[in-house]
């Protein structure tokens, strides 16, 4: 079986619920607290591919850091959004759960069952 990795924010209830769901299933995932260990632009690009999402689909557009972007987020290319997420990881939607070459957003936490 492939190792499961969770890009986790311990202050986020959905992230904590996702982690609990995995642990209840007997899985001890590799946890990356991405606010302390932000992914690189290349790692975010890989996550986008694994999620099957465009960067604009997993950026937290309600965050003050997003509304403060200059030029504004909607005017940025996918690469520029990934660069913004790498520079300020609070912009990354959470949690992201990865297994092998697939990933899901843990919103809602039950989405993680697709990887089990």
PDB file of N, CA and C in Angstrom:
ATOM      1  N   UNK A   1       0.836  -1.196   0.000  1.00  0.00           N
ATOM      2  CA  UNK A   1       0.000   0.000   0.000  1.00  0.00           C
ATOM      3  C   UNK A   1       0.872   1.247   0.000  1.00  0.00           C
ATOM      4  N   UNK A   2       0.385   2.259  -0.679  1.00  0.00           N
ATOM      5  CA  UNK A   2       1.116   3.526  -0.732  1.00  0.00           C
ATOM      6  C   UNK A   2       0.946   4.291   0.573  1.00  0.00           C
ATOM      7  N   UNK A   3       2.020   4.973   0.965  1.00  0.00           N
ATOM      8  CA  UNK A   3       1.981   5.855   2.133  1.00  0.00           C
ATOM      9  C   UNK A   3       0.973   6.976   1.874  1.00  0.00           C
ATOM     10  N   UNK A   4       0.213   7.327   2.884  1.00  0.00           N
ATOM     11  CA  UNK A   4      -0.710   8.457   2.785  1.00  0.00           C
ATOM     12  C   UNK A   4      -0.058   9.656   3.462  1.00  0.00           C
ATOM     13  N   UNK A   5      -0.065  10.772   2.754  1.00  0.00           N
ATOM     14  CA  UNK A   5       0.494  12.017   3.261  1.00  0.00           C
ATOM     15  C   UNK A   5      -0.631  13.029   3.390  1.00  0.00           C
ATOM     16  N   UNK A   6      -0.626  13.759   4.503  1.00  0.00           N
ATOM     17  CA  UNK A   6      -1.630  14.795   4.732  1.00  0.00           C
ATOM     18  C   UNK A   6      -0.918  16.134   4.893  1.00  0.00           C
ATOM     19  N   UNK A   7      -1.297  17.089   4.046  1.00  0.00           N
ATOM     20  CA  UNK A   7      -0.862  18.469   4.221  1.00  0.00           C
ATOM     21  C   UNK A   7      -1.861  19.079   5.193  1.00  0.00           C
ATOM     22  N   UNK A   8      -1.395  19.291   6.424  1.00  0.00           N
ATOM     23  CA  UNK A   8      -2.261  19.500   7.585  1.00  0.00           C
ATOM     24  C   UNK A   8      -2.018  20.858   8.230  1.00  0.00           C
ATOM     25  N   UNK A   9      -3.124  21.446   8.690  1.00  0.00           N
ATOM     26  CA  UNK A   9      -3.062  22.642   9.530  1.00  0.00           C
ATOM     27  C   UNK A   9      -3.781  22.287  10.826  1.00  0.00           C
ATOM     28  N   UNK A  10      -3.056  22.129  11.935  1.00  0.00           N
ATOM     29  CA  UNK A  10      -3.685  21.692  13.180  1.00  0.00           C
ATOM     30  C   UNK A  10      -4.743  22.652  13.711  1.00  0.00           C
ATOM     31  N   UNK A  11      -4.761  23.896  13.238  1.00  0.00           N
ATOM     32  CA  UNK A  11      -5.768  24.856  13.705  1.00  0.00           C
ATOM     33  C   UNK A  11      -7.072  24.761  12.914  1.00  0.00           C
ATOM     34  N   UNK A  12      -7.092  23.952  11.855  1.00  0.00           N
ATOM     35  CA  UNK A  12      -8.259  23.830  10.981  1.00  0.00           C
ATOM     36  C   UNK A  12      -9.101  22.626  11.387  1.00  0.00           C
ATOM     37  N   UNK A  13     -10.378  22.829  11.659  1.00  0.00           N
ATOM     38  CA  UNK A  13     -11.235  21.720  12.101  1.00  0.00           C
ATOM     39  C   UNK A  13     -11.375  20.647  11.020  1.00  0.00           C
ATOM     40  N   UNK A  14     -11.495  21.034   9.756  1.00  0.00           N
ATOM     41  CA  UNK A  14     -11.625  20.041   8.678  1.00  0.00           C
ATOM     42  C   UNK A  14     -10.347  19.208   8.572  1.00  0.00           C
ATOM     43  N   UNK A  15      -9.225  19.846   8.764  1.00  0.00           N
ATOM     44  CA  UNK A  15      -7.953  19.140   8.716  1.00  0.00           C
ATOM     45  C   UNK A  15      -7.851  18.149   9.875  1.00  0.00           C
ATOM     46  N   UNK A  16      -8.256  18.562  11.062  1.00  0.00           N
ATOM     47  CA  UNK A  16      -8.238  17.660  12.228  1.00  0.00           C
ATOM     48  C   UNK A  16      -9.212  16.506  12.027  1.00  0.00           C
ATOM     49  N   UNK A  17     -10.397  16.790  11.460  1.00  0.00           N
ATOM     50  CA  UNK A  17     -11.384  15.739  11.219  1.00  0.00           C
ATOM     51  C   UNK A  17     -10.864  14.729  10.196  1.00  0.00           C
ATOM     52  N   UNK A  18     -10.188  15.223   9.170  1.00  0.00           N
ATOM     53  CA  UNK A  18      -9.637  14.339   8.147  1.00  0.00           C
ATOM     54  C   UNK A  18      -8.578  13.425   8.765  1.00  0.00           C
ATOM     55  N   UNK A  19      -7.701  13.994   9.567  1.00  0.00           N
ATOM     56  CA  UNK A  19      -6.667  13.213  10.234  1.00  0.00           C
ATOM     57  C   UNK A  19      -7.306  12.156  11.136  1.00  0.00           C
ATOM     58  N   UNK A  20      -8.342  12.513  11.872  1.00  0.00           N
ATOM     59  CA  UNK A  20      -9.033  11.567  12.762  1.00  0.00           C
ATOM     60  C   UNK A  20      -9.680  10.447  11.954  1.00  0.00           C
ATOM     61  N   UNK A  21     -10.259  10.776  10.809  1.00  0.00           N
ATOM     62  CA  UNK A  21     -10.886   9.762   9.956  1.00  0.00           C
ATOM     63  C   UNK A  21      -9.844   8.731   9.512  1.00  0.00           C
ATOM     64  N   UNK A  22      -8.672   9.202   9.112  1.00  0.00           N
ATOM     65  CA  UNK A  22      -7.598   8.292   8.698  1.00  0.00           C
ATOM     66  C   UNK A  22      -7.150   7.422   9.874  1.00  0.00           C
ATOM     67  N   UNK A  23      -6.943   8.050  11.021  1.00  0.00           N
ATOM     68  CA  UNK A  23      -6.476   7.305  12.193  1.00  0.00           C
ATOM     69  C   UNK A  23      -7.522   6.286  12.638  1.00  0.00           C
ATOM     70  N   UNK A  24      -8.813   6.644  12.544  1.00  0.00           N
ATOM     71  CA  UNK A  24      -9.889   5.705  12.891  1.00  0.00           C
ATOM     72  C   UNK A  24      -9.903   4.511  11.947  1.00  0.00           C
ATOM     73  N   UNK A  25      -9.407   4.709  10.712  1.00  0.00           N
ATOM     74  CA  UNK A  25      -9.325   3.623   9.732  1.00  0.00           C
ATOM     75  C   UNK A  25      -8.044   2.807   9.912  1.00  0.00           C
ATOM     76  N   UNK A  26      -7.275   3.106  10.979  1.00  0.00           N
ATOM     77  CA  UNK A  26      -6.053   2.353  11.257  1.00  0.00           C
ATOM     78  C   UNK A  26      -4.850   2.817  10.456  1.00  0.00           C
ATOM     79  N   UNK A  27      -4.931   4.021   9.898  1.00  0.00           N
ATOM     80  CA  UNK A  27      -3.848   4.547   9.059  1.00  0.00           C
ATOM     81  C   UNK A  27      -3.098   5.620   9.835  1.00  0.00           C
ATOM     82  N   UNK A  28      -1.788   5.495   9.854  1.00  0.00           N
ATOM     83  CA  UNK A  28      -0.943   6.527  10.434  1.00  0.00           C
ATOM     84  C   UNK A  28      -0.281   7.266   9.275  1.00  0.00           C
ATOM     85  N   UNK A  29      -0.850   8.401   8.887  1.00  0.00           N
ATOM     86  CA  UNK A  29      -0.313   9.105   7.722  1.00  0.00           C
ATOM     87  C   UNK A  29       0.961   9.873   8.047  1.00  0.00           C
ATOM     88  N   UNK A  30       1.697  10.171   6.994  1.00  0.00           N
ATOM     89  CA  UNK A  30       2.819  11.098   7.097  1.00  0.00           C
ATOM     90  C   UNK A  30       2.194  12.492   7.101  1.00  0.00           C
ATOM     91  N   UNK A  31       2.413  13.255   8.159  1.00  0.00           N
ATOM     92  CA  UNK A  31       1.779  14.567   8.306  1.00  0.00           C
ATOM     93  C   UNK A  31       2.798  15.660   8.023  1.00  0.00           C
ATOM     94  N   UNK A  32       2.408  16.553   7.118  1.00  0.00           N
ATOM     95  CA  UNK A  32       3.226  17.730   6.818  1.00  0.00           C
ATOM     96  C   UNK A  32       2.433  18.950   7.263  1.00  0.00           C
ATOM     97  N   UNK A  33       2.935  19.641   8.272  1.00  0.00           N
ATOM     98  CA  UNK A  33       2.307  20.894   8.686  1.00  0.00           C
ATOM     99  C   UNK A  33       2.807  21.960   7.718  1.00  0.00           C
ATOM    100  N   UNK A  34       2.019  22.157   6.666  1.00  0.00           N
ATOM    101  CA  UNK A  34       2.480  22.938   5.518  1.00  0.00           C
ATOM    102  C   UNK A  34       2.699  24.422   5.823  1.00  0.00           C
ATOM    103  N   UNK A  35       2.141  24.923   6.919  1.00  0.00           N
ATOM    104  CA  UNK A  35       2.432  26.318   7.270  1.00  0.00           C
ATOM    105  C   UNK A  35       3.872  26.459   7.762  1.00  0.00           C
ATOM    106  N   UNK A  36       4.402  25.374   8.366  1.00  0.00           N
ATOM    107  CA  UNK A  36       5.791  25.367   8.838  1.00  0.00           C
ATOM    108  C   UNK A  36       6.753  24.837   7.782  1.00  0.00           C
ATOM    109  N   UNK A  37       6.263  23.972   6.899  1.00  0.00           N
ATOM    110  CA  UNK A  37       7.064  23.364   5.834  1.00  0.00           C
ATOM    111  C   UNK A  37       6.325  23.570   4.505  1.00  0.00           C
ATOM    112  N   UNK A  38       6.313  24.798   3.986  1.00  0.00           N
ATOM    113  CA  UNK A  38       5.530  25.053   2.779  1.00  0.00           C
ATOM    114  C   UNK A  38       6.058  24.287   1.570  1.00  0.00           C
ATOM    115  N   UNK A  39       5.137  23.757   0.761  1.00  0.00           N
ATOM    116  CA  UNK A  39       5.572  23.104  -0.472  1.00  0.00           C
ATOM    117  C   UNK A  39       6.132  24.128  -1.450  1.00  0.00           C
ATOM    118  N   UNK A  40       7.018  23.659  -2.315  1.00  0.00           N
ATOM    119  CA  UNK A  40       7.578  24.514  -3.355  1.00  0.00           C
ATOM    120  C   UNK A  40       6.554  24.683  -4.479  1.00  0.00           C
ATOM    121  N   UNK A  41       6.841  25.585  -5.394  1.00  0.00           N
ATOM    122  CA  UNK A  41       5.973  25.776  -6.555  1.00  0.00           C
ATOM    123  C   UNK A  41       5.855  24.465  -7.338  1.00  0.00           C
ATOM    124  N   UNK A  42       6.989  23.774  -7.528  1.00  0.00           N
ATOM    125  CA  UNK A  42       6.960  22.504  -8.260  1.00  0.00           C
ATOM    126  C   UNK A  42       6.136  21.452  -7.530  1.00  0.00           C
ATOM    127  N   UNK A  43       6.250  21.403  -6.199  1.00  0.00           N
ATOM    128  CA  UNK A  43       5.447  20.454  -5.422  1.00  0.00           C
ATOM    129  C   UNK A  43       3.963  20.798  -5.520  1.00  0.00           C
ATOM    130  N   UNK A  44       3.640  22.085  -5.503  1.00  0.00           N
ATOM    131  CA  UNK A  44       2.244  22.502  -5.653  1.00  0.00           C
ATOM    132  C   UNK A  44       1.709  22.166  -7.036  1.00  0.00           C
ATOM    133  N   UNK A  45       2.567  22.287  -8.043  1.00  0.00           N
ATOM    134  CA  UNK A  45       2.156  21.939  -9.403  1.00  0.00           C
ATOM    135  C   UNK A  45       1.824  20.439  -9.479  1.00  0.00           C
ATOM    136  N   UNK A  46       2.653  19.615  -8.842  1.00  0.00           N
ATOM    137  CA  UNK A  46       2.392  18.176  -8.787  1.00  0.00           C
ATOM    138  C   UNK A  46       1.086  17.899  -8.029  1.00  0.00           C
ATOM    139  N   UNK A  47       0.868  18.591  -6.910  1.00  0.00           N
ATOM    140  CA  UNK A  47      -0.377  18.415  -6.155  1.00  0.00           C
ATOM    141  C   UNK A  47      -1.588  18.784  -7.011  1.00  0.00           C
ATOM    142  N   UNK A  48      -1.485  19.858  -7.781  1.00  0.00           N
ATOM    143  CA  UNK A  48      -2.581  20.263  -8.663  1.00  0.00           C
ATOM    144  C   UNK A  48      -2.904  19.138  -9.645  1.00  0.00           C
ATOM    145  N   UNK A  49      -1.858  18.539 -10.219  1.00  0.00           N
ATOM    146  CA  UNK A  49      -2.064  17.422 -11.149  1.00  0.00           C
ATOM    147  C   UNK A  49      -2.716  16.235 -10.443  1.00  0.00           C
ATOM    148  N   UNK A  50      -2.229  15.912  -9.253  1.00  0.00           N
ATOM    149  CA  UNK A  50      -2.772  14.778  -8.506  1.00  0.00           C
ATOM    150  C   UNK A  50      -4.227  15.021  -8.092  1.00  0.00           C
ATOM    151  N   UNK A  51      -4.550  16.276  -7.779  1.00  0.00           N
ATOM    152  CA  UNK A  51      -5.912  16.631  -7.399  1.00  0.00           C
ATOM    153  C   UNK A  51      -6.837  16.712  -8.612  1.00  0.00           C
ATOM    154  N   UNK A  52      -6.235  16.945  -9.785  1.00  0.00           N
ATOM    155  CA  UNK A  52      -7.042  17.179 -10.975  1.00  0.00           C
ATOM    156  C   UNK A  52      -7.711  18.541 -10.932  1.00  0.00           C
ATOM    157  N   UNK A  53      -7.045  19.497 -10.277  1.00  0.00           N
ATOM    158  CA  UNK A  53      -7.592  20.842 -10.107  1.00  0.00           C
ATOM    159  C   UNK A  53      -6.635  21.889 -10.657  1.00  0.00           C
ATOM    160  N   UNK A  54      -7.196  22.996 -11.093  1.00  0.00           N
ATOM    161  CA  UNK A  54      -6.400  24.160 -11.460  1.00  0.00           C
ATOM    162  C   UNK A  54      -6.045  24.891 -10.169  1.00  0.00           C
ATOM    163  N   UNK A  55      -4.934  25.630 -10.155  1.00  0.00           N
ATOM    164  CA  UNK A  55      -4.566  26.358  -8.932  1.00  0.00           C
ATOM    165  C   UNK A  55      -5.698  27.232  -8.382  1.00  0.00           C
ATOM    166  N   UNK A  56      -6.478  27.841  -9.261  1.00  0.00           N
ATOM    167  CA  UNK A  56      -7.572  28.697  -8.785  1.00  0.00           C
ATOM    168  C   UNK A  56      -8.660  27.904  -8.066  1.00  0.00           C
ATOM    169  N   UNK A  57      -8.632  26.564  -8.182  1.00  0.00           N
ATOM    170  CA  UNK A  57      -9.640  25.723  -7.556  1.00  0.00           C
ATOM    171  C   UNK A  57      -9.232  25.202  -6.177  1.00  0.00           C
ATOM    172  N   UNK A  58      -7.966  25.439  -5.788  1.00  0.00           N
ATOM    173  CA  UNK A  58      -7.582  25.040  -4.423  1.00  0.00           C
ATOM    174  C   UNK A  58      -6.780  26.127  -3.714  1.00  0.00           C
ATOM    175  N   UNK A  59      -7.074  27.369  -4.087  1.00  0.00           N
ATOM    176  CA  UNK A  59      -6.514  28.505  -3.354  1.00  0.00           C
ATOM    177  C   UNK A  59      -7.630  29.082  -2.493  1.00  0.00           C
ATOM    178  N   UNK A  60      -7.279  29.514  -1.325  1.00  0.00           N
ATOM    179  CA  UNK A  60      -8.277  30.056  -0.386  1.00  0.00           C
ATOM    180  C   UNK A  60      -8.524  31.531  -0.736  1.00  0.00           C
ATOM    181  N   UNK A  61      -9.525  31.740  -1.569  1.00  0.00           N
ATOM    182  CA  UNK A  61      -9.775  33.074  -2.115  1.00  0.00           C
ATOM    183  C   UNK A  61     -10.409  34.044  -1.117  1.00  0.00           C
ATOM    184  N   UNK A  62     -10.814  33.550   0.047  1.00  0.00           N
ATOM    185  CA  UNK A  62     -11.387  34.453   1.054  1.00  0.00           C
ATOM    186  C   UNK A  62     -10.340  34.941   2.062  1.00  0.00           C
ATOM    187  N   UNK A  63      -9.131  34.428   1.938  1.00  0.00           N
ATOM    188  CA  UNK A  63      -8.058  34.851   2.847  1.00  0.00           C
ATOM    189  C   UNK A  63      -7.637  36.295   2.543  1.00  0.00           C
ATOM    190  N   UNK A  64      -7.343  37.077   3.587  1.00  0.00           N
ATOM    191  CA  UNK A  64      -6.837  38.436   3.342  1.00  0.00           C
ATOM    192  C   UNK A  64      -5.596  38.447   2.446  1.00  0.00           C
ATOM    193  N   UNK A  65      -4.752  37.434   2.568  1.00  0.00           N
ATOM    194  CA  UNK A  65      -3.541  37.369   1.730  1.00  0.00           C
ATOM    195  C   UNK A  65      -3.902  37.256   0.247  1.00  0.00           C
ATOM    196  N   UNK A  66      -5.041  36.639  -0.056  1.00  0.00           N
ATOM    197  CA  UNK A  66      -5.488  36.522  -1.448  1.00  0.00           C
ATOM    198  C   UNK A  66      -6.020  37.866  -1.937  1.00  0.00           C
ATOM    199  N   UNK A  67      -6.870  38.499  -1.126  1.00  0.00           N
ATOM    200  CA  UNK A  67      -7.448  39.770  -1.555  1.00  0.00           C
ATOM    201  C   UNK A  67      -6.392  40.863  -1.642  1.00  0.00           C
ATOM    202  N   UNK A  68      -5.251  40.669  -0.965  1.00  0.00           N
ATOM    203  CA  UNK A  68      -4.173  41.654  -1.008  1.00  0.00           C
ATOM    204  C   UNK A  68      -3.228  41.463  -2.196  1.00  0.00           C
ATOM    205  N   UNK A  69      -3.397  40.371  -2.959  1.00  0.00           N
ATOM    206  CA  UNK A  69      -2.487  40.124  -4.081  1.00  0.00           C
ATOM    207  C   UNK A  69      -2.542  41.264  -5.091  1.00  0.00           C
ATOM    208  N   UNK A  70      -1.384  41.608  -5.613  1.00  0.00           N
ATOM    209  CA  UNK A  70      -1.284  42.645  -6.629  1.00  0.00           C
ATOM    210  C   UNK A  70      -0.339  42.149  -7.713  1.00  0.00           C
ATOM    211  N   UNK A  71      -0.830  41.855  -8.923  1.00  0.00           N
ATOM    212  CA  UNK A  71      -2.209  42.033  -9.376  1.00  0.00           C
ATOM    213  C   UNK A  71      -3.159  41.064  -8.664  1.00  0.00           C
ATOM    214  N   UNK A  72      -4.457  41.368  -8.714  1.00  0.00           N
ATOM    215  CA  UNK A  72      -5.444  40.534  -8.027  1.00  0.00           C
ATOM    216  C   UNK A  72      -5.402  39.084  -8.496  1.00  0.00           C
ATOM    217  N   UNK A  73      -5.799  38.182  -7.600  1.00  0.00           N
ATOM    218  CA  UNK A  73      -5.793  36.752  -7.885  1.00  0.00           C
ATOM    219  C   UNK A  73      -6.443  36.357  -9.199  1.00  0.00           C
ATOM    220  N   UNK A  74      -7.663  36.854  -9.496  1.00  0.00           N
ATOM    221  CA  UNK A  74      -8.317  36.436 -10.740  1.00  0.00           C
ATOM    222  C   UNK A  74      -7.539  36.828 -12.005  1.00  0.00           C
ATOM    223  N   UNK A  75      -6.647  37.782 -11.888  1.00  0.00           N
ATOM    224  CA  UNK A  75      -5.852  38.217 -13.041  1.00  0.00           C
ATOM    225  C   UNK A  75      -4.548  37.430 -13.183  1.00  0.00           C
ATOM    226  N   UNK A  76      -4.275  36.556 -12.240  1.00  0.00           N
ATOM    227  CA  UNK A  76      -3.005  35.829 -12.233  1.00  0.00           C
ATOM    228  C   UNK A  76      -3.115  34.514 -12.989  1.00  0.00           C
ATOM    229  N   UNK A  77      -1.992  34.110 -13.568  1.00  0.00           N
ATOM    230  CA  UNK A  77      -1.924  32.807 -14.228  1.00  0.00           C
ATOM    231  C   UNK A  77      -1.880  31.716 -13.162  1.00  0.00           C
ATOM    232  N   UNK A  78      -2.094  30.474 -13.598  1.00  0.00           N
ATOM    233  CA  UNK A  78      -1.990  29.352 -12.675  1.00  0.00           C
ATOM    234  C   UNK A  78      -0.637  29.310 -11.997  1.00  0.00           C
ATOM    235  N   UNK A  79       0.411  29.524 -12.769  1.00  0.00           N
ATOM    236  CA  UNK A  79       1.772  29.506 -12.203  1.00  0.00           C
ATOM    237  C   UNK A  79       1.932  30.609 -11.147  1.00  0.00           C
ATOM    238  N   UNK A  80       1.383  31.785 -11.435  1.00  0.00           N
ATOM    239  CA  UNK A  80       1.487  32.894 -10.472  1.00  0.00           C
ATOM    240  C   UNK A  80       0.711  32.581  -9.190  1.00  0.00           C
ATOM    241  N   UNK A  81      -0.410  31.882  -9.316  1.00  0.00           N
ATOM    242  CA  UNK A  81      -1.159  31.490  -8.118  1.00  0.00           C
ATOM    243  C   UNK A  81      -0.369  30.473  -7.302  1.00  0.00           C
ATOM    244  N   UNK A  82       0.279  29.525  -7.986  1.00  0.00           N
ATOM    245  CA  UNK A  82       1.126  28.555  -7.274  1.00  0.00           C
ATOM    246  C   UNK A  82       2.267  29.270  -6.560  1.00  0.00           C
ATOM    247  N   UNK A  83       2.849  30.266  -7.213  1.00  0.00           N
ATOM    248  CA  UNK A  83       3.930  31.046  -6.591  1.00  0.00           C
ATOM    249  C   UNK A  83       3.419  31.770  -5.345  1.00  0.00           C
ATOM    250  N   UNK A  84       2.195  32.306  -5.430  1.00  0.00           N
ATOM    251  CA  UNK A  84       1.613  32.993  -4.271  1.00  0.00           C
ATOM    252  C   UNK A  84       1.379  32.015  -3.130  1.00  0.00           C
ATOM    253  N   UNK A  85       0.906  30.798  -3.452  1.00  0.00           N
ATOM    254  CA  UNK A  85       0.664  29.786  -2.419  1.00  0.00           C
ATOM    255  C   UNK A  85       1.979  29.340  -1.778  1.00  0.00           C
ATOM    256  N   UNK A  86       3.026  29.196  -2.572  1.00  0.00           N
ATOM    257  CA  UNK A  86       4.323  28.788  -2.029  1.00  0.00           C
ATOM    258  C   UNK A  86       4.887  29.878  -1.119  1.00  0.00           C
ATOM    259  N   UNK A  87       4.674  31.136  -1.503  1.00  0.00           N
ATOM    260  CA  UNK A  87       5.191  32.254  -0.716  1.00  0.00           C
ATOM    261  C   UNK A  87       4.385  32.477   0.558  1.00  0.00           C
ATOM    262  N   UNK A  88       3.078  32.198   0.508  1.00  0.00           N
ATOM    263  CA  UNK A  88       2.198  32.401   1.653  1.00  0.00           C
ATOM    264  C   UNK A  88       1.264  31.195   1.760  1.00  0.00           C
ATOM    265  N   UNK A  89       1.723  30.108   2.416  1.00  0.00           N
ATOM    266  CA  UNK A  89       0.987  28.845   2.402  1.00  0.00           C
ATOM    267  C   UNK A  89      -0.394  28.889   3.047  1.00  0.00           C
ATOM    268  N   UNK A  90      -0.736  29.968   3.761  1.00  0.00           N
ATOM    269  CA  UNK A  90      -2.095  30.078   4.295  1.00  0.00           C
ATOM    270  C   UNK A  90      -3.111  30.065   3.151  1.00  0.00           C
ATOM    271  N   UNK A  91      -2.649  30.358   1.937  1.00  0.00           N
ATOM    272  CA  UNK A  91      -3.528  30.381   0.766  1.00  0.00           C
ATOM    273  C   UNK A  91      -3.889  28.993   0.251  1.00  0.00           C
ATOM    274  N   UNK A  92      -3.201  27.961   0.706  1.00  0.00           N
ATOM    275  CA  UNK A  92      -3.443  26.601   0.221  1.00  0.00           C
ATOM    276  C   UNK A  92      -4.683  26.034   0.904  1.00  0.00           C
ATOM    277  N   UNK A  93      -5.641  25.579   0.099  1.00  0.00           N
ATOM    278  CA  UNK A  93      -6.832  24.922   0.669  1.00  0.00           C
ATOM    279  C   UNK A  93      -6.378  23.676   1.414  1.00  0.00           C
ATOM    280  N   UNK A  94      -7.046  23.373   2.501  1.00  0.00           N
ATOM    281  CA  UNK A  94      -6.613  22.286   3.359  1.00  0.00           C
ATOM    282  C   UNK A  94      -7.781  21.430   3.783  1.00  0.00           C
ATOM    283  N   UNK A  95      -7.474  20.245   4.198  1.00  0.00           N
ATOM    284  CA  UNK A  95      -6.216  19.520   4.030  1.00  0.00           C
ATOM    285  C   UNK A  95      -6.161  18.875   2.647  1.00  0.00           C
ATOM    286  N   UNK A  96      -4.957  18.597   2.205  1.00  0.00           N
ATOM    287  CA  UNK A  96      -4.747  17.829   0.979  1.00  0.00           C
ATOM    288  C   UNK A  96      -4.185  16.479   1.409  1.00  0.00           C
ATOM    289  N   UNK A  97      -4.824  15.409   0.919  1.00  0.00           N
ATOM    290  CA  UNK A  97      -4.406  14.055   1.265  1.00  0.00           C
ATOM    291  C   UNK A  97      -3.923  13.377  -0.007  1.00  0.00           C
ATOM    292  N   UNK A  98      -2.711  12.812   0.054  1.00  0.00           N
ATOM    293  CA  UNK A  98      -2.073  12.210  -1.118  1.00  0.00           C
ATOM    294  C   UNK A  98      -1.805  10.739  -0.856  1.00  0.00           C
ATOM    295  N   UNK A  99      -2.105   9.922  -1.858  1.00  0.00           N
ATOM    296  CA  UNK A  99      -1.737   8.505  -1.826  1.00  0.00           C
ATOM    297  C   UNK A  99      -1.308   8.125  -3.230  1.00  0.00           C
ATOM    298  N   UNK A 100      -0.047   7.744  -3.364  1.00  0.00           N
ATOM    299  CA  UNK A 100       0.470   7.397  -4.686  1.00  0.00           C
ATOM    300  C   UNK A 100       0.419   8.598  -5.613  1.00  0.00           C
ATOM    301  N   UNK A 101      -0.214   8.428  -6.761  1.00  0.00           N
ATOM    302  CA  UNK A 101      -0.278   9.526  -7.727  1.00  0.00           C
ATOM    303  C   UNK A 101      -1.634  10.228  -7.701  1.00  0.00           C
ATOM    304  N   UNK A 102      -2.410   9.993  -6.631  1.00  0.00           N
ATOM    305  CA  UNK A 102      -3.728  10.632  -6.509  1.00  0.00           C
ATOM    306  C   UNK A 102      -3.803  11.459  -5.233  1.00  0.00           C
ATOM    307  N   UNK A 103      -4.640  12.474  -5.272  1.00  0.00           N
ATOM    308  CA  UNK A 103      -4.840  13.318  -4.096  1.00  0.00           C
ATOM    309  C   UNK A 103      -6.290  13.790  -4.063  1.00  0.00           C
ATOM    310  N   UNK A 104      -6.758  14.117  -2.857  1.00  0.00           N
ATOM    311  CA  UNK A 104      -8.084  14.694  -2.671  1.00  0.00           C
ATOM    312  C   UNK A 104      -7.989  15.813  -1.645  1.00  0.00           C
ATOM    313  N   UNK A 105      -8.938  16.740  -1.749  1.00  0.00           N
ATOM    314  CA  UNK A 105      -9.109  17.747  -0.705  1.00  0.00           C
ATOM    315  C   UNK A 105      -9.999  17.143   0.369  1.00  0.00           C
ATOM    316  N   UNK A 106      -9.632  17.312   1.613  1.00  0.00           N
ATOM    317  CA  UNK A 106     -10.429  16.807   2.719  1.00  0.00           C
ATOM    318  C   UNK A 106     -11.561  17.755   3.084  1.00  0.00           C
ATOM    319  N   UNK A 107     -12.256  18.235   2.090  1.00  0.00           N
ATOM    320  CA  UNK A 107     -13.424  19.118   2.268  1.00  0.00           C
ATOM    321  C   UNK A 107     -14.537  18.586   1.416  1.00  0.00           C
ATOM    322  N   UNK A 108     -15.456  17.830   1.975  1.00  0.00           N
ATOM    323  CA  UNK A 108     -15.541  17.413   3.374  1.00  0.00           C
ATOM    324  C   UNK A 108     -14.538  16.290   3.671  1.00  0.00           C
ATOM    325  N   UNK A 109     -14.275  16.058   4.955  1.00  0.00           N
ATOM    326  CA  UNK A 109     -13.288  15.034   5.334  1.00  0.00           C
ATOM    327  C   UNK A 109     -13.564  13.662   4.702  1.00  0.00           C
ATOM    328  N   UNK A 110     -14.822  13.341   4.456  1.00  0.00           N
ATOM    329  CA  UNK A 110     -15.176  12.035   3.883  1.00  0.00           C
ATOM    330  C   UNK A 110     -14.558  11.818   2.510  1.00  0.00           C
ATOM    331  N   UNK A 111     -14.155  12.898   1.829  1.00  0.00           N
ATOM    332  CA  UNK A 111     -13.497  12.754   0.515  1.00  0.00           C
ATOM    333  C   UNK A 111     -12.294  11.828   0.580  1.00  0.00           C
ATOM    334  N   UNK A 112     -11.644  11.757   1.740  1.00  0.00           N
ATOM    335  CA  UNK A 112     -10.434  10.960   1.887  1.00  0.00           C
ATOM    336  C   UNK A 112     -10.723   9.464   1.679  1.00  0.00           C
ATOM    337  N   UNK A 113     -11.967   9.057   1.869  1.00  0.00           N
ATOM    338  CA  UNK A 113     -12.311   7.640   1.685  1.00  0.00           C
ATOM    339  C   UNK A 113     -12.032   7.166   0.257  1.00  0.00           C
ATOM    340  N   UNK A 114     -12.024   8.089  -0.710  1.00  0.00           N
ATOM    341  CA  UNK A 114     -11.729   7.743  -2.100  1.00  0.00           C
ATOM    342  C   UNK A 114     -10.314   7.198  -2.263  1.00  0.00           C
ATOM    343  N   UNK A 115      -9.441   7.494  -1.309  1.00  0.00           N
ATOM    344  CA  UNK A 115      -8.054   7.041  -1.392  1.00  0.00           C
ATOM    345  C   UNK A 115      -7.801   5.762  -0.596  1.00  0.00           C
ATOM    346  N   UNK A 116      -8.773   5.317   0.177  1.00  0.00           N
ATOM    347  CA  UNK A 116      -8.557   4.155   1.048  1.00  0.00           C
ATOM    348  C   UNK A 116      -8.789   2.847   0.318  1.00  0.00           C
TER     349      UNK A 116
END
